[in-house]
Amino acid sequence: MATDLENKLLHETLLQTPKEFIDETERYQELMMTYFAAMREVQTKLEILNDEFKVVKRRNPIEMIKVRLKKTDSIMQKLHRYGLSKTLDNIKQINDIAGVRVICTYFDDIYELANMLVKQDDVILVQIKDYIKKPKQNGYRSLHLVVELPVYFSTTKRMMRVEVQIRTIAMDFWASLEHDMKYKNNNNLDPGLKDELRLCADVIADTDKRMQKIKAELDKMG
């Protein structure tokens, strides 16, 4: 069963039918419900992998899983940026309507989880963007996957896409602060803060690698 938070997320999304689709409200809501279901499918797969780690390796690689459905205004803005007309069919060309963010403990967990997910028979890897090996200019680091998987309903099966972001606790902490900075009034923002945050990204990346190395040495000790 979906949690109260997930149900609230779906309910809020369904209430946000854009004016462009007001004559197709039922179809729009059905599409959003389908993305919601796909998001939950991916979440469940990751939770099962985490449970397996707990039994087999006596630890949980996943600290937290966050889910989200893209808000209506963001969907409309993305269609505009892509130069697409605002139709339900074109919405399906946006790969990150449904999103799952996975927060890992250690650096190596990111790639291990990603590999285990995409190797599953019913998961198709559509796209991968590795912002860890090639960080964004501002210092952002995360592994982004777009996966496609079947979602089964009472009378049909639909192939749906979900964006999965996998990062460490430190990377997520940095990304949260960068997000806050992005939406502040830039006129009042000290120019040096962006440079400082960029330096923090490098420090965090180095710390992640050093922590991973320490863990590997501890593992050798049994």
N, C-alpha and C. Protein backbone atom coordinates (compact mmCIF):
# COMPACT_ATOMS: atom_id res chain seq x y z
N MET A 1 0.85 -1.20 0.00
CA MET A 1 0.00 0.00 0.00
C MET A 1 0.88 1.25 0.00
N ALA A 2 0.42 2.30 -0.67
CA ALA A 2 1.16 3.56 -0.68
C ALA A 2 1.09 4.21 0.70
N THR A 3 2.15 4.91 1.06
CA THR A 3 2.17 5.63 2.32
C THR A 3 1.27 6.86 2.21
N ASP A 4 0.99 7.47 3.37
CA ASP A 4 0.17 8.69 3.38
C ASP A 4 0.83 9.79 2.55
N LEU A 5 2.18 9.88 2.64
CA LEU A 5 2.91 10.89 1.89
C LEU A 5 2.78 10.65 0.39
N GLU A 6 2.87 9.39 -0.02
CA GLU A 6 2.75 9.07 -1.45
C GLU A 6 1.34 9.35 -1.95
N ASN A 7 0.34 8.99 -1.16
CA ASN A 7 -1.04 9.26 -1.55
C ASN A 7 -1.30 10.77 -1.68
N LYS A 8 -0.70 11.54 -0.77
CA LYS A 8 -0.82 13.00 -0.83
C LYS A 8 -0.18 13.53 -2.10
N LEU A 9 0.97 12.95 -2.46
CA LEU A 9 1.67 13.36 -3.67
C LEU A 9 0.82 13.11 -4.90
N LEU A 10 0.20 11.94 -4.98
CA LEU A 10 -0.66 11.62 -6.12
C LEU A 10 -1.87 12.53 -6.15
N HIS A 11 -2.51 12.72 -5.01
CA HIS A 11 -3.71 13.55 -4.94
C HIS A 11 -3.43 14.98 -5.39
N GLU A 12 -2.30 15.54 -4.93
CA GLU A 12 -1.94 16.90 -5.31
C GLU A 12 -1.69 17.01 -6.81
N THR A 13 -1.05 15.99 -7.37
CA THR A 13 -0.76 16.00 -8.80
C THR A 13 -2.04 15.93 -9.62
N LEU A 14 -2.97 15.11 -9.19
CA LEU A 14 -4.22 14.96 -9.93
C LEU A 14 -5.06 16.23 -9.88
N LEU A 15 -4.90 17.01 -8.83
CA LEU A 15 -5.65 18.26 -8.71
C LEU A 15 -5.07 19.37 -9.58
N GLN A 16 -3.89 19.12 -10.17
CA GLN A 16 -3.19 20.17 -10.89
C GLN A 16 -3.36 20.05 -12.41
N THR A 17 -4.48 19.53 -12.86
CA THR A 17 -4.69 19.40 -14.30
C THR A 17 -4.52 20.76 -14.97
N PRO A 18 -3.54 20.88 -15.89
CA PRO A 18 -3.30 22.18 -16.52
C PRO A 18 -4.44 22.59 -17.43
N LYS A 19 -4.57 23.88 -17.63
CA LYS A 19 -5.69 24.39 -18.43
C LYS A 19 -5.64 23.86 -19.86
N GLU A 20 -4.42 23.55 -20.35
CA GLU A 20 -4.28 23.03 -21.70
C GLU A 20 -4.97 21.68 -21.88
N PHE A 21 -5.15 20.95 -20.76
CA PHE A 21 -5.73 19.61 -20.83
C PHE A 21 -7.07 19.52 -20.10
N ILE A 22 -7.68 20.66 -19.86
CA ILE A 22 -8.91 20.66 -19.06
C ILE A 22 -10.01 19.84 -19.72
N ASP A 23 -9.97 19.76 -21.06
CA ASP A 23 -10.98 18.95 -21.77
C ASP A 23 -10.59 17.48 -21.80
N GLU A 24 -9.38 17.19 -21.32
CA GLU A 24 -8.91 15.80 -21.27
C GLU A 24 -8.48 15.45 -19.84
N THR A 25 -9.21 15.99 -18.90
CA THR A 25 -8.82 15.82 -17.50
C THR A 25 -8.68 14.35 -17.11
N GLU A 26 -9.62 13.54 -17.53
CA GLU A 26 -9.59 12.12 -17.16
C GLU A 26 -8.35 11.43 -17.73
N ARG A 27 -8.02 11.72 -18.99
CA ARG A 27 -6.84 11.11 -19.61
C ARG A 27 -5.56 11.59 -18.94
N TYR A 28 -5.52 12.89 -18.60
CA TYR A 28 -4.35 13.44 -17.93
C TYR A 28 -4.15 12.78 -16.55
N GLN A 29 -5.22 12.66 -15.80
CA GLN A 29 -5.13 12.05 -14.47
C GLN A 29 -4.73 10.57 -14.57
N GLU A 30 -5.24 9.90 -15.58
CA GLU A 30 -4.86 8.50 -15.78
C GLU A 30 -3.37 8.39 -16.09
N LEU A 31 -2.86 9.30 -16.90
CA LEU A 31 -1.43 9.30 -17.24
C LEU A 31 -0.58 9.54 -16.00
N MET A 32 -0.97 10.50 -15.18
CA MET A 32 -0.21 10.79 -13.96
C MET A 32 -0.26 9.62 -12.98
N MET A 33 -1.42 8.97 -12.91
CA MET A 33 -1.55 7.79 -12.05
C MET A 33 -0.61 6.68 -12.53
N THR A 34 -0.44 6.56 -13.85
CA THR A 34 0.44 5.54 -14.40
C THR A 34 1.90 5.84 -14.06
N TYR A 35 2.28 7.10 -14.13
CA TYR A 35 3.63 7.48 -13.72
C TYR A 35 3.84 7.22 -12.23
N PHE A 36 2.83 7.49 -11.45
CA PHE A 36 2.90 7.23 -10.01
C PHE A 36 3.13 5.75 -9.75
N ALA A 37 2.42 4.91 -10.49
CA ALA A 37 2.57 3.46 -10.33
C ALA A 37 3.97 3.01 -10.73
N ALA A 38 4.51 3.57 -11.81
CA ALA A 38 5.86 3.22 -12.24
C ALA A 38 6.89 3.63 -11.20
N MET A 39 6.70 4.80 -10.63
CA MET A 39 7.58 5.28 -9.58
C MET A 39 7.59 4.32 -8.39
N ARG A 40 6.42 3.84 -8.01
CA ARG A 40 6.33 2.91 -6.89
C ARG A 40 6.95 1.56 -7.23
N GLU A 41 6.85 1.13 -8.49
CA GLU A 41 7.49 -0.12 -8.91
C GLU A 41 9.00 -0.04 -8.70
N VAL A 42 9.60 1.07 -9.13
CA VAL A 42 11.05 1.24 -8.98
C VAL A 42 11.41 1.32 -7.50
N GLN A 43 10.62 2.05 -6.74
CA GLN A 43 10.86 2.16 -5.30
C GLN A 43 10.86 0.78 -4.64
N THR A 44 9.88 -0.04 -5.00
CA THR A 44 9.79 -1.38 -4.42
C THR A 44 11.00 -2.23 -4.79
N LYS A 45 11.43 -2.15 -6.03
CA LYS A 45 12.61 -2.91 -6.46
C LYS A 45 13.83 -2.53 -5.62
N LEU A 46 14.00 -1.25 -5.40
CA LEU A 46 15.15 -0.79 -4.62
C LEU A 46 15.04 -1.21 -3.15
N GLU A 47 13.84 -1.17 -2.62
CA GLU A 47 13.65 -1.60 -1.22
C GLU A 47 13.95 -3.08 -1.06
N ILE A 48 13.60 -3.88 -2.05
CA ILE A 48 13.89 -5.32 -2.01
C ILE A 48 15.40 -5.56 -2.05
N LEU A 49 16.10 -4.83 -2.91
CA LEU A 49 17.55 -4.95 -2.97
C LEU A 49 18.19 -4.56 -1.64
N ASN A 50 17.65 -3.53 -1.02
CA ASN A 50 18.17 -3.11 0.28
C ASN A 50 17.94 -4.19 1.34
N ASP A 51 16.77 -4.83 1.29
CA ASP A 51 16.47 -5.92 2.22
C ASP A 51 17.44 -7.09 2.01
N GLU A 52 17.73 -7.38 0.75
CA GLU A 52 18.65 -8.48 0.44
C GLU A 52 20.04 -8.19 1.02
N PHE A 53 20.51 -6.95 0.86
CA PHE A 53 21.80 -6.56 1.43
C PHE A 53 21.81 -6.78 2.94
N LYS A 54 20.70 -6.45 3.58
CA LYS A 54 20.63 -6.58 5.03
C LYS A 54 20.83 -8.02 5.46
N VAL A 55 20.25 -8.94 4.71
CA VAL A 55 20.35 -10.36 5.06
C VAL A 55 21.70 -10.95 4.66
N VAL A 56 22.13 -10.65 3.45
CA VAL A 56 23.33 -11.29 2.90
C VAL A 56 24.62 -10.62 3.37
N LYS A 57 24.61 -9.29 3.42
CA LYS A 57 25.84 -8.57 3.74
C LYS A 57 25.80 -7.87 5.09
N ARG A 58 24.68 -8.02 5.77
CA ARG A 58 24.53 -7.47 7.12
C ARG A 58 24.66 -5.94 7.17
N ARG A 59 24.20 -5.29 6.13
CA ARG A 59 24.17 -3.83 6.14
C ARG A 59 23.18 -3.34 5.09
N ASN A 60 22.75 -2.08 5.24
CA ASN A 60 21.85 -1.48 4.27
C ASN A 60 22.60 -0.41 3.49
N PRO A 61 22.73 -0.57 2.18
CA PRO A 61 23.42 0.46 1.39
C PRO A 61 22.58 1.72 1.19
N ILE A 62 21.26 1.58 1.33
CA ILE A 62 20.37 2.72 1.08
C ILE A 62 19.98 3.37 2.40
N GLU A 63 20.29 4.65 2.52
CA GLU A 63 19.90 5.41 3.70
C GLU A 63 18.46 5.92 3.59
N MET A 64 18.06 6.29 2.36
CA MET A 64 16.74 6.89 2.18
C MET A 64 16.35 6.81 0.71
N ILE A 65 15.05 6.68 0.46
CA ILE A 65 14.51 6.76 -0.88
C ILE A 65 13.45 7.86 -0.90
N LYS A 66 13.61 8.80 -1.81
CA LYS A 66 12.65 9.90 -1.97
C LYS A 66 11.98 9.77 -3.33
N VAL A 67 10.69 10.02 -3.39
CA VAL A 67 9.96 9.93 -4.65
C VAL A 67 9.26 11.25 -4.94
N ARG A 68 9.07 11.51 -6.23
CA ARG A 68 8.34 12.72 -6.59
C ARG A 68 7.76 12.60 -7.99
N LEU A 69 6.62 13.26 -8.19
CA LEU A 69 6.04 13.44 -9.52
C LEU A 69 6.24 14.90 -9.91
N LYS A 70 6.67 15.13 -11.13
CA LYS A 70 6.92 16.49 -11.58
C LYS A 70 5.62 17.29 -11.54
N LYS A 71 5.71 18.50 -11.03
CA LYS A 71 4.53 19.36 -10.92
C LYS A 71 4.08 19.84 -12.30
N THR A 72 2.82 20.19 -12.38
CA THR A 72 2.21 20.59 -13.64
C THR A 72 2.96 21.73 -14.32
N ASP A 73 3.28 22.79 -13.56
CA ASP A 73 3.95 23.93 -14.18
C ASP A 73 5.32 23.54 -14.72
N SER A 74 6.01 22.63 -14.02
CA SER A 74 7.31 22.17 -14.49
C SER A 74 7.18 21.37 -15.78
N ILE A 75 6.11 20.57 -15.88
CA ILE A 75 5.87 19.80 -17.10
C ILE A 75 5.64 20.75 -18.28
N MET A 76 4.81 21.77 -18.07
CA MET A 76 4.52 22.72 -19.13
C MET A 76 5.77 23.49 -19.55
N GLN A 77 6.58 23.88 -18.58
CA GLN A 77 7.82 24.60 -18.88
C GLN A 77 8.78 23.73 -19.68
N LYS A 78 8.83 22.45 -19.35
CA LYS A 78 9.75 21.56 -20.06
C LYS A 78 9.29 21.33 -21.49
N LEU A 79 8.00 21.19 -21.70
CA LEU A 79 7.49 21.06 -23.07
C LEU A 79 7.89 22.29 -23.89
N HIS A 80 7.78 23.46 -23.26
CA HIS A 80 8.15 24.71 -23.95
C HIS A 80 9.64 24.72 -24.29
N ARG A 81 10.50 24.30 -23.32
CA ARG A 81 11.95 24.30 -23.57
C ARG A 81 12.32 23.31 -24.67
N TYR A 82 11.59 22.19 -24.73
CA TYR A 82 11.85 21.20 -25.77
C TYR A 82 11.26 21.59 -27.12
N GLY A 83 10.51 22.67 -27.15
CA GLY A 83 9.88 23.09 -28.40
C GLY A 83 8.75 22.17 -28.82
N LEU A 84 8.09 21.57 -27.84
CA LEU A 84 7.00 20.62 -28.12
C LEU A 84 5.64 21.27 -27.84
N SER A 85 4.67 20.94 -28.66
CA SER A 85 3.31 21.41 -28.40
C SER A 85 2.77 20.73 -27.14
N LYS A 86 1.85 21.38 -26.48
CA LYS A 86 1.36 20.89 -25.19
C LYS A 86 0.24 19.88 -25.40
N THR A 87 0.67 18.63 -25.65
CA THR A 87 -0.26 17.52 -25.84
C THR A 87 0.11 16.39 -24.88
N LEU A 88 -0.86 15.53 -24.61
CA LEU A 88 -0.60 14.39 -23.73
C LEU A 88 0.45 13.46 -24.32
N ASP A 89 0.43 13.27 -25.62
CA ASP A 89 1.43 12.41 -26.25
C ASP A 89 2.83 12.97 -26.08
N ASN A 90 2.97 14.28 -26.15
CA ASN A 90 4.30 14.88 -26.00
C ASN A 90 4.80 14.82 -24.56
N ILE A 91 3.88 14.80 -23.60
CA ILE A 91 4.30 14.65 -22.21
C ILE A 91 5.12 13.37 -22.04
N LYS A 92 4.75 12.33 -22.79
CA LYS A 92 5.44 11.05 -22.68
C LYS A 92 6.88 11.11 -23.15
N GLN A 93 7.25 12.19 -23.83
CA GLN A 93 8.63 12.35 -24.27
C GLN A 93 9.53 12.92 -23.17
N ILE A 94 8.94 13.33 -22.07
CA ILE A 94 9.71 13.83 -20.92
C ILE A 94 10.06 12.64 -20.04
N ASN A 95 11.34 12.45 -19.81
CA ASN A 95 11.79 11.23 -19.12
C ASN A 95 11.73 11.30 -17.60
N ASP A 96 11.54 12.50 -17.04
CA ASP A 96 11.62 12.60 -15.59
C ASP A 96 10.32 13.04 -14.94
N ILE A 97 9.19 12.67 -15.54
CA ILE A 97 7.90 12.95 -14.89
C ILE A 97 7.86 12.26 -13.53
N ALA A 98 8.24 10.99 -13.51
CA ALA A 98 8.33 10.24 -12.25
C ALA A 98 9.80 10.16 -11.86
N GLY A 99 10.09 10.48 -10.61
CA GLY A 99 11.47 10.47 -10.15
C GLY A 99 11.65 9.73 -8.85
N VAL A 100 12.75 9.00 -8.76
CA VAL A 100 13.12 8.31 -7.53
C VAL A 100 14.55 8.70 -7.20
N ARG A 101 14.76 9.22 -6.00
CA ARG A 101 16.11 9.59 -5.57
C ARG A 101 16.55 8.62 -4.48
N VAL A 102 17.73 8.06 -4.67
CA VAL A 102 18.27 7.06 -3.74
C VAL A 102 19.50 7.65 -3.07
N ILE A 103 19.47 7.68 -1.74
CA ILE A 103 20.59 8.21 -0.96
C ILE A 103 21.36 7.03 -0.37
N CYS A 104 22.61 6.90 -0.78
CA CYS A 104 23.44 5.77 -0.36
C CYS A 104 24.42 6.17 0.74
N THR A 105 24.94 5.16 1.39
CA THR A 105 25.92 5.40 2.45
C THR A 105 27.29 5.66 1.86
N TYR A 106 27.72 4.77 0.96
CA TYR A 106 29.07 4.84 0.43
C TYR A 106 29.09 5.02 -1.08
N PHE A 107 30.21 5.55 -1.55
CA PHE A 107 30.42 5.86 -2.95
C PHE A 107 30.18 4.64 -3.85
N ASP A 108 30.77 3.51 -3.51
CA ASP A 108 30.65 2.31 -4.36
C ASP A 108 29.23 1.76 -4.40
N ASP A 109 28.43 2.06 -3.38
CA ASP A 109 27.04 1.59 -3.35
C ASP A 109 26.25 2.13 -4.54
N ILE A 110 26.60 3.33 -4.98
CA ILE A 110 25.88 3.96 -6.08
C ILE A 110 25.90 3.08 -7.31
N TYR A 111 27.10 2.66 -7.71
CA TYR A 111 27.23 1.88 -8.94
C TYR A 111 26.76 0.44 -8.75
N GLU A 112 26.93 -0.10 -7.56
CA GLU A 112 26.47 -1.46 -7.30
C GLU A 112 24.94 -1.54 -7.39
N LEU A 113 24.27 -0.58 -6.77
CA LEU A 113 22.80 -0.55 -6.83
C LEU A 113 22.31 -0.33 -8.26
N ALA A 114 22.95 0.60 -8.96
CA ALA A 114 22.55 0.88 -10.33
C ALA A 114 22.68 -0.36 -11.20
N ASN A 115 23.78 -1.08 -11.06
CA ASN A 115 23.99 -2.30 -11.86
C ASN A 115 22.95 -3.37 -11.53
N MET A 116 22.65 -3.53 -10.26
CA MET A 116 21.67 -4.54 -9.87
C MET A 116 20.28 -4.20 -10.39
N LEU A 117 19.95 -2.92 -10.41
CA LEU A 117 18.64 -2.50 -10.89
C LEU A 117 18.50 -2.75 -12.38
N VAL A 118 19.46 -2.29 -13.17
CA VAL A 118 19.31 -2.37 -14.64
C VAL A 118 19.51 -3.79 -15.17
N LYS A 119 20.07 -4.69 -14.36
CA LYS A 119 20.23 -6.08 -14.79
C LYS A 119 18.95 -6.90 -14.64
N GLN A 120 17.95 -6.35 -13.98
CA GLN A 120 16.69 -7.07 -13.81
C GLN A 120 16.00 -7.22 -15.17
N ASP A 121 15.39 -8.39 -15.37
CA ASP A 121 14.86 -8.75 -16.68
C ASP A 121 13.83 -7.77 -17.23
N ASP A 122 13.07 -7.16 -16.35
CA ASP A 122 11.99 -6.29 -16.82
C ASP A 122 12.35 -4.81 -16.80
N VAL A 123 13.63 -4.51 -16.59
CA VAL A 123 14.09 -3.13 -16.56
C VAL A 123 14.98 -2.85 -17.77
N ILE A 124 14.63 -1.81 -18.51
CA ILE A 124 15.41 -1.40 -19.68
C ILE A 124 16.11 -0.08 -19.35
N LEU A 125 17.41 -0.04 -19.53
CA LEU A 125 18.15 1.20 -19.33
C LEU A 125 18.03 2.04 -20.60
N VAL A 126 17.41 3.20 -20.46
CA VAL A 126 17.19 4.08 -21.61
C VAL A 126 18.31 5.10 -21.74
N GLN A 127 18.76 5.60 -20.60
CA GLN A 127 19.76 6.68 -20.61
C GLN A 127 20.52 6.69 -19.31
N ILE A 128 21.79 7.05 -19.38
CA ILE A 128 22.59 7.21 -18.17
C ILE A 128 23.41 8.48 -18.29
N LYS A 129 23.41 9.27 -17.23
CA LYS A 129 24.24 10.47 -17.15
C LYS A 129 25.02 10.39 -15.85
N ASP A 130 26.32 10.27 -15.97
CA ASP A 130 27.18 10.10 -14.80
C ASP A 130 27.81 11.44 -14.43
N TYR A 131 27.14 12.14 -13.52
CA TYR A 131 27.66 13.42 -13.06
C TYR A 131 28.62 13.24 -11.88
N ILE A 132 29.00 12.00 -11.62
CA ILE A 132 30.02 11.74 -10.60
C ILE A 132 31.39 11.70 -11.27
N LYS A 133 31.48 10.93 -12.35
CA LYS A 133 32.74 10.88 -13.09
C LYS A 133 32.96 12.17 -13.88
N LYS A 134 31.86 12.80 -14.31
CA LYS A 134 31.94 14.08 -15.02
C LYS A 134 30.98 15.06 -14.36
N PRO A 135 31.40 15.70 -13.26
CA PRO A 135 30.50 16.62 -12.53
C PRO A 135 30.09 17.81 -13.40
N LYS A 136 28.93 18.37 -13.05
CA LYS A 136 28.52 19.61 -13.71
C LYS A 136 29.48 20.73 -13.32
N GLN A 137 29.45 21.80 -14.08
CA GLN A 137 30.39 22.90 -13.85
C GLN A 137 30.27 23.49 -12.46
N ASN A 138 29.07 23.46 -11.89
CA ASN A 138 28.88 24.04 -10.56
C ASN A 138 29.28 23.09 -9.44
N GLY A 139 29.70 21.85 -9.80
CA GLY A 139 30.14 20.89 -8.80
C GLY A 139 29.14 19.78 -8.51
N TYR A 140 27.97 19.84 -9.12
CA TYR A 140 26.91 18.85 -8.86
C TYR A 140 27.38 17.46 -9.24
N ARG A 141 27.13 16.50 -8.34
CA ARG A 141 27.49 15.10 -8.58
C ARG A 141 26.31 14.20 -8.24
N SER A 142 26.02 13.27 -9.13
CA SER A 142 24.96 12.29 -8.93
C SER A 142 24.96 11.38 -10.15
N LEU A 143 24.48 10.16 -9.99
CA LEU A 143 24.31 9.25 -11.11
C LEU A 143 22.84 9.27 -11.50
N HIS A 144 22.54 9.61 -12.75
CA HIS A 144 21.17 9.69 -13.24
C HIS A 144 20.91 8.57 -14.24
N LEU A 145 19.87 7.80 -13.98
CA LEU A 145 19.45 6.76 -14.90
C LEU A 145 18.02 7.03 -15.32
N VAL A 146 17.72 6.78 -16.58
CA VAL A 146 16.33 6.72 -17.03
C VAL A 146 16.05 5.26 -17.37
N VAL A 147 15.09 4.67 -16.67
CA VAL A 147 14.77 3.26 -16.90
C VAL A 147 13.32 3.15 -17.38
N GLU A 148 13.07 2.10 -18.11
CA GLU A 148 11.71 1.81 -18.59
C GLU A 148 11.33 0.44 -18.09
N LEU A 149 10.12 0.31 -17.59
CA LEU A 149 9.68 -0.97 -17.03
C LEU A 149 8.18 -1.11 -17.21
N PRO A 150 7.69 -2.35 -17.19
CA PRO A 150 6.24 -2.54 -17.36
C PRO A 150 5.48 -2.28 -16.06
N VAL A 151 4.31 -1.68 -16.22
CA VAL A 151 3.39 -1.50 -15.10
C VAL A 151 2.09 -2.20 -15.48
N TYR A 152 1.65 -3.12 -14.63
CA TYR A 152 0.48 -3.94 -14.94
C TYR A 152 -0.76 -3.38 -14.27
N PHE A 153 -1.81 -3.25 -15.07
CA PHE A 153 -3.11 -2.81 -14.56
C PHE A 153 -4.14 -3.92 -14.79
N SER A 154 -5.38 -3.64 -14.51
CA SER A 154 -6.40 -4.70 -14.56
C SER A 154 -6.57 -5.30 -15.94
N THR A 155 -6.44 -4.49 -16.98
CA THR A 155 -6.68 -5.01 -18.33
C THR A 155 -5.54 -4.73 -19.30
N THR A 156 -4.46 -4.13 -18.82
CA THR A 156 -3.41 -3.74 -19.75
C THR A 156 -2.05 -3.68 -19.07
N LYS A 157 -1.02 -3.62 -19.88
CA LYS A 157 0.35 -3.41 -19.42
C LYS A 157 0.91 -2.19 -20.15
N ARG A 158 1.56 -1.31 -19.40
CA ARG A 158 2.14 -0.12 -20.02
C ARG A 158 3.63 -0.03 -19.68
N MET A 159 4.43 0.30 -20.68
CA MET A 159 5.85 0.54 -20.46
C MET A 159 6.03 2.01 -20.09
N MET A 160 6.60 2.25 -18.92
CA MET A 160 6.73 3.61 -18.40
C MET A 160 8.18 3.91 -18.05
N ARG A 161 8.52 5.19 -18.13
CA ARG A 161 9.87 5.62 -17.81
C ARG A 161 9.93 6.35 -16.47
N VAL A 162 11.03 6.10 -15.77
CA VAL A 162 11.26 6.72 -14.46
C VAL A 162 12.72 7.17 -14.41
N GLU A 163 12.94 8.38 -13.91
CA GLU A 163 14.31 8.82 -13.68
C GLU A 163 14.74 8.41 -12.27
N VAL A 164 15.91 7.80 -12.17
CA VAL A 164 16.47 7.38 -10.88
C VAL A 164 17.76 8.15 -10.65
N GLN A 165 17.81 8.89 -9.57
CA GLN A 165 19.03 9.60 -9.18
C GLN A 165 19.62 8.89 -7.97
N ILE A 166 20.91 8.55 -8.06
CA ILE A 166 21.58 7.84 -6.96
C ILE A 166 22.79 8.66 -6.54
N ARG A 167 22.89 8.94 -5.25
CA ARG A 167 23.99 9.76 -4.74
C ARG A 167 24.27 9.41 -3.29
N THR A 168 25.39 9.87 -2.78
CA THR A 168 25.71 9.65 -1.37
C THR A 168 25.01 10.69 -0.50
N ILE A 169 25.09 10.47 0.81
CA ILE A 169 24.50 11.41 1.76
C ILE A 169 25.13 12.79 1.57
N ALA A 170 26.44 12.81 1.42
CA ALA A 170 27.15 14.08 1.27
C ALA A 170 26.76 14.79 -0.02
N MET A 171 26.65 14.05 -1.11
CA MET A 171 26.23 14.64 -2.38
C MET A 171 24.83 15.23 -2.27
N ASP A 172 23.96 14.53 -1.56
CA ASP A 172 22.58 15.01 -1.42
C ASP A 172 22.52 16.26 -0.56
N PHE A 173 23.33 16.29 0.48
CA PHE A 173 23.41 17.48 1.35
C PHE A 173 23.86 18.68 0.53
N TRP A 174 24.88 18.48 -0.31
CA TRP A 174 25.38 19.56 -1.16
C TRP A 174 24.29 20.01 -2.15
N ALA A 175 23.61 19.05 -2.78
CA ALA A 175 22.59 19.37 -3.78
C ALA A 175 21.44 20.17 -3.17
N SER A 176 21.09 19.86 -1.92
CA SER A 176 20.01 20.59 -1.24
C SER A 176 20.40 22.05 -1.04
N LEU A 177 21.65 22.27 -0.65
CA LEU A 177 22.12 23.64 -0.44
C LEU A 177 22.21 24.39 -1.77
N GLU A 178 22.66 23.70 -2.81
CA GLU A 178 22.75 24.32 -4.14
C GLU A 178 21.37 24.70 -4.65
N HIS A 179 20.38 23.84 -4.37
CA HIS A 179 18.99 24.12 -4.76
C HIS A 179 18.49 25.37 -4.06
N ASP A 180 18.77 25.50 -2.76
CA ASP A 180 18.36 26.69 -2.02
C ASP A 180 19.00 27.95 -2.61
N MET A 181 20.28 27.83 -2.96
CA MET A 181 20.99 28.98 -3.51
C MET A 181 20.41 29.38 -4.86
N LYS A 182 20.02 28.42 -5.67
CA LYS A 182 19.51 28.68 -7.01
C LYS A 182 18.24 29.51 -6.97
N TYR A 183 17.42 29.29 -5.92
CA TYR A 183 16.13 29.96 -5.87
C TYR A 183 16.12 31.20 -4.96
N LYS A 184 17.31 31.60 -4.53
CA LYS A 184 17.41 32.85 -3.80
C LYS A 184 17.48 34.01 -4.79
N ASN A 185 17.24 35.20 -4.29
CA ASN A 185 17.34 36.40 -5.13
C ASN A 185 18.80 36.62 -5.49
N ASN A 186 19.14 36.40 -6.76
CA ASN A 186 20.53 36.51 -7.19
C ASN A 186 21.11 37.91 -7.01
N ASN A 187 20.26 38.91 -6.98
CA ASN A 187 20.75 40.28 -6.80
C ASN A 187 21.35 40.48 -5.42
N ASN A 188 20.89 39.70 -4.46
CA ASN A 188 21.40 39.84 -3.09
C ASN A 188 22.42 38.76 -2.74
N LEU A 189 22.82 37.97 -3.71
CA LEU A 189 23.70 36.84 -3.45
C LEU A 189 25.16 37.24 -3.60
N ASP A 190 25.93 36.97 -2.58
CA ASP A 190 27.37 37.23 -2.63
C ASP A 190 27.99 36.35 -3.71
N PRO A 191 28.65 36.94 -4.71
CA PRO A 191 29.24 36.15 -5.80
C PRO A 191 30.21 35.08 -5.29
N GLY A 192 30.83 35.34 -4.16
CA GLY A 192 31.79 34.38 -3.63
C GLY A 192 31.16 33.11 -3.10
N LEU A 193 29.84 33.16 -2.83
CA LEU A 193 29.18 31.98 -2.28
C LEU A 193 29.17 30.82 -3.28
N LYS A 194 28.96 31.13 -4.56
CA LYS A 194 28.96 30.07 -5.58
C LYS A 194 30.33 29.41 -5.68
N ASP A 195 31.38 30.22 -5.61
CA ASP A 195 32.73 29.68 -5.65
C ASP A 195 33.00 28.81 -4.42
N GLU A 196 32.51 29.28 -3.28
CA GLU A 196 32.70 28.51 -2.04
C GLU A 196 31.96 27.18 -2.11
N LEU A 197 30.74 27.22 -2.66
CA LEU A 197 29.97 25.98 -2.78
C LEU A 197 30.64 25.02 -3.76
N ARG A 198 31.23 25.56 -4.82
CA ARG A 198 31.94 24.72 -5.78
C ARG A 198 33.13 24.04 -5.11
N LEU A 199 33.84 24.74 -4.27
CA LEU A 199 34.96 24.15 -3.53
C LEU A 199 34.47 23.07 -2.57
N CYS A 200 33.31 23.32 -1.95
CA CYS A 200 32.72 22.33 -1.04
C CYS A 200 32.42 21.03 -1.78
N ALA A 201 31.98 21.13 -3.03
CA ALA A 201 31.67 19.94 -3.82
C ALA A 201 32.92 19.07 -3.98
N ASP A 202 34.07 19.72 -4.21
CA ASP A 202 35.31 18.97 -4.35
C ASP A 202 35.73 18.33 -3.03
N VAL A 203 35.55 19.07 -1.95
CA VAL A 203 35.90 18.53 -0.62
C VAL A 203 35.02 17.32 -0.30
N ILE A 204 33.73 17.44 -0.60
CA ILE A 204 32.79 16.35 -0.34
C ILE A 204 33.16 15.12 -1.16
N ALA A 205 33.50 15.33 -2.44
CA ALA A 205 33.87 14.20 -3.30
C ALA A 205 35.11 13.50 -2.76
N ASP A 206 36.08 14.28 -2.30
CA ASP A 206 37.30 13.70 -1.73
C ASP A 206 36.99 12.93 -0.45
N THR A 207 36.09 13.50 0.38
CA THR A 207 35.71 12.83 1.62
C THR A 207 35.00 11.52 1.35
N ASP A 208 34.10 11.50 0.36
CA ASP A 208 33.41 10.26 -0.02
C ASP A 208 34.41 9.17 -0.39
N LYS A 209 35.42 9.54 -1.17
CA LYS A 209 36.42 8.55 -1.61
C LYS A 209 37.26 8.06 -0.44
N ARG A 210 37.61 8.96 0.46
CA ARG A 210 38.42 8.57 1.61
C ARG A 210 37.62 7.67 2.56
N MET A 211 36.35 7.98 2.75
CA MET A 211 35.50 7.14 3.59
C MET A 211 35.35 5.75 2.99
N GLN A 212 35.22 5.70 1.65
CA GLN A 212 35.10 4.41 0.97
C GLN A 212 36.38 3.59 1.18
N LYS A 213 37.52 4.26 1.11
CA LYS A 213 38.80 3.57 1.29
C LYS A 213 38.92 3.01 2.71
N ILE A 214 38.49 3.80 3.69
CA ILE A 214 38.53 3.33 5.09
C ILE A 214 37.62 2.11 5.26
N LYS A 215 36.44 2.18 4.67
CA LYS A 215 35.52 1.04 4.76
C LYS A 215 36.13 -0.22 4.14
N ALA A 216 36.79 -0.05 2.99
CA ALA A 216 37.40 -1.20 2.32
C ALA A 216 38.47 -1.82 3.21
N GLU A 217 39.24 -1.00 3.91
CA GLU A 217 40.26 -1.54 4.82
C GLU A 217 39.63 -2.26 5.99
N LEU A 218 38.53 -1.74 6.50
CA LEU A 218 37.82 -2.40 7.60
C LEU A 218 37.25 -3.74 7.15
N ASP A 219 36.73 -3.79 5.92
CA ASP A 219 36.17 -5.02 5.39
C ASP A 219 37.23 -6.12 5.29
N LYS A 220 38.44 -5.73 4.98
CA LYS A 220 39.54 -6.72 4.88
C LYS A 220 39.84 -7.36 6.24
N MET A 221 39.55 -6.61 7.30
CA MET A 221 39.83 -7.11 8.64
C MET A 221 38.78 -8.12 9.10
N GLY A 222 37.63 -8.18 8.38
CA GLY A 222 36.58 -9.14 8.72
C GLY A 222 35.73 -8.68 9.88
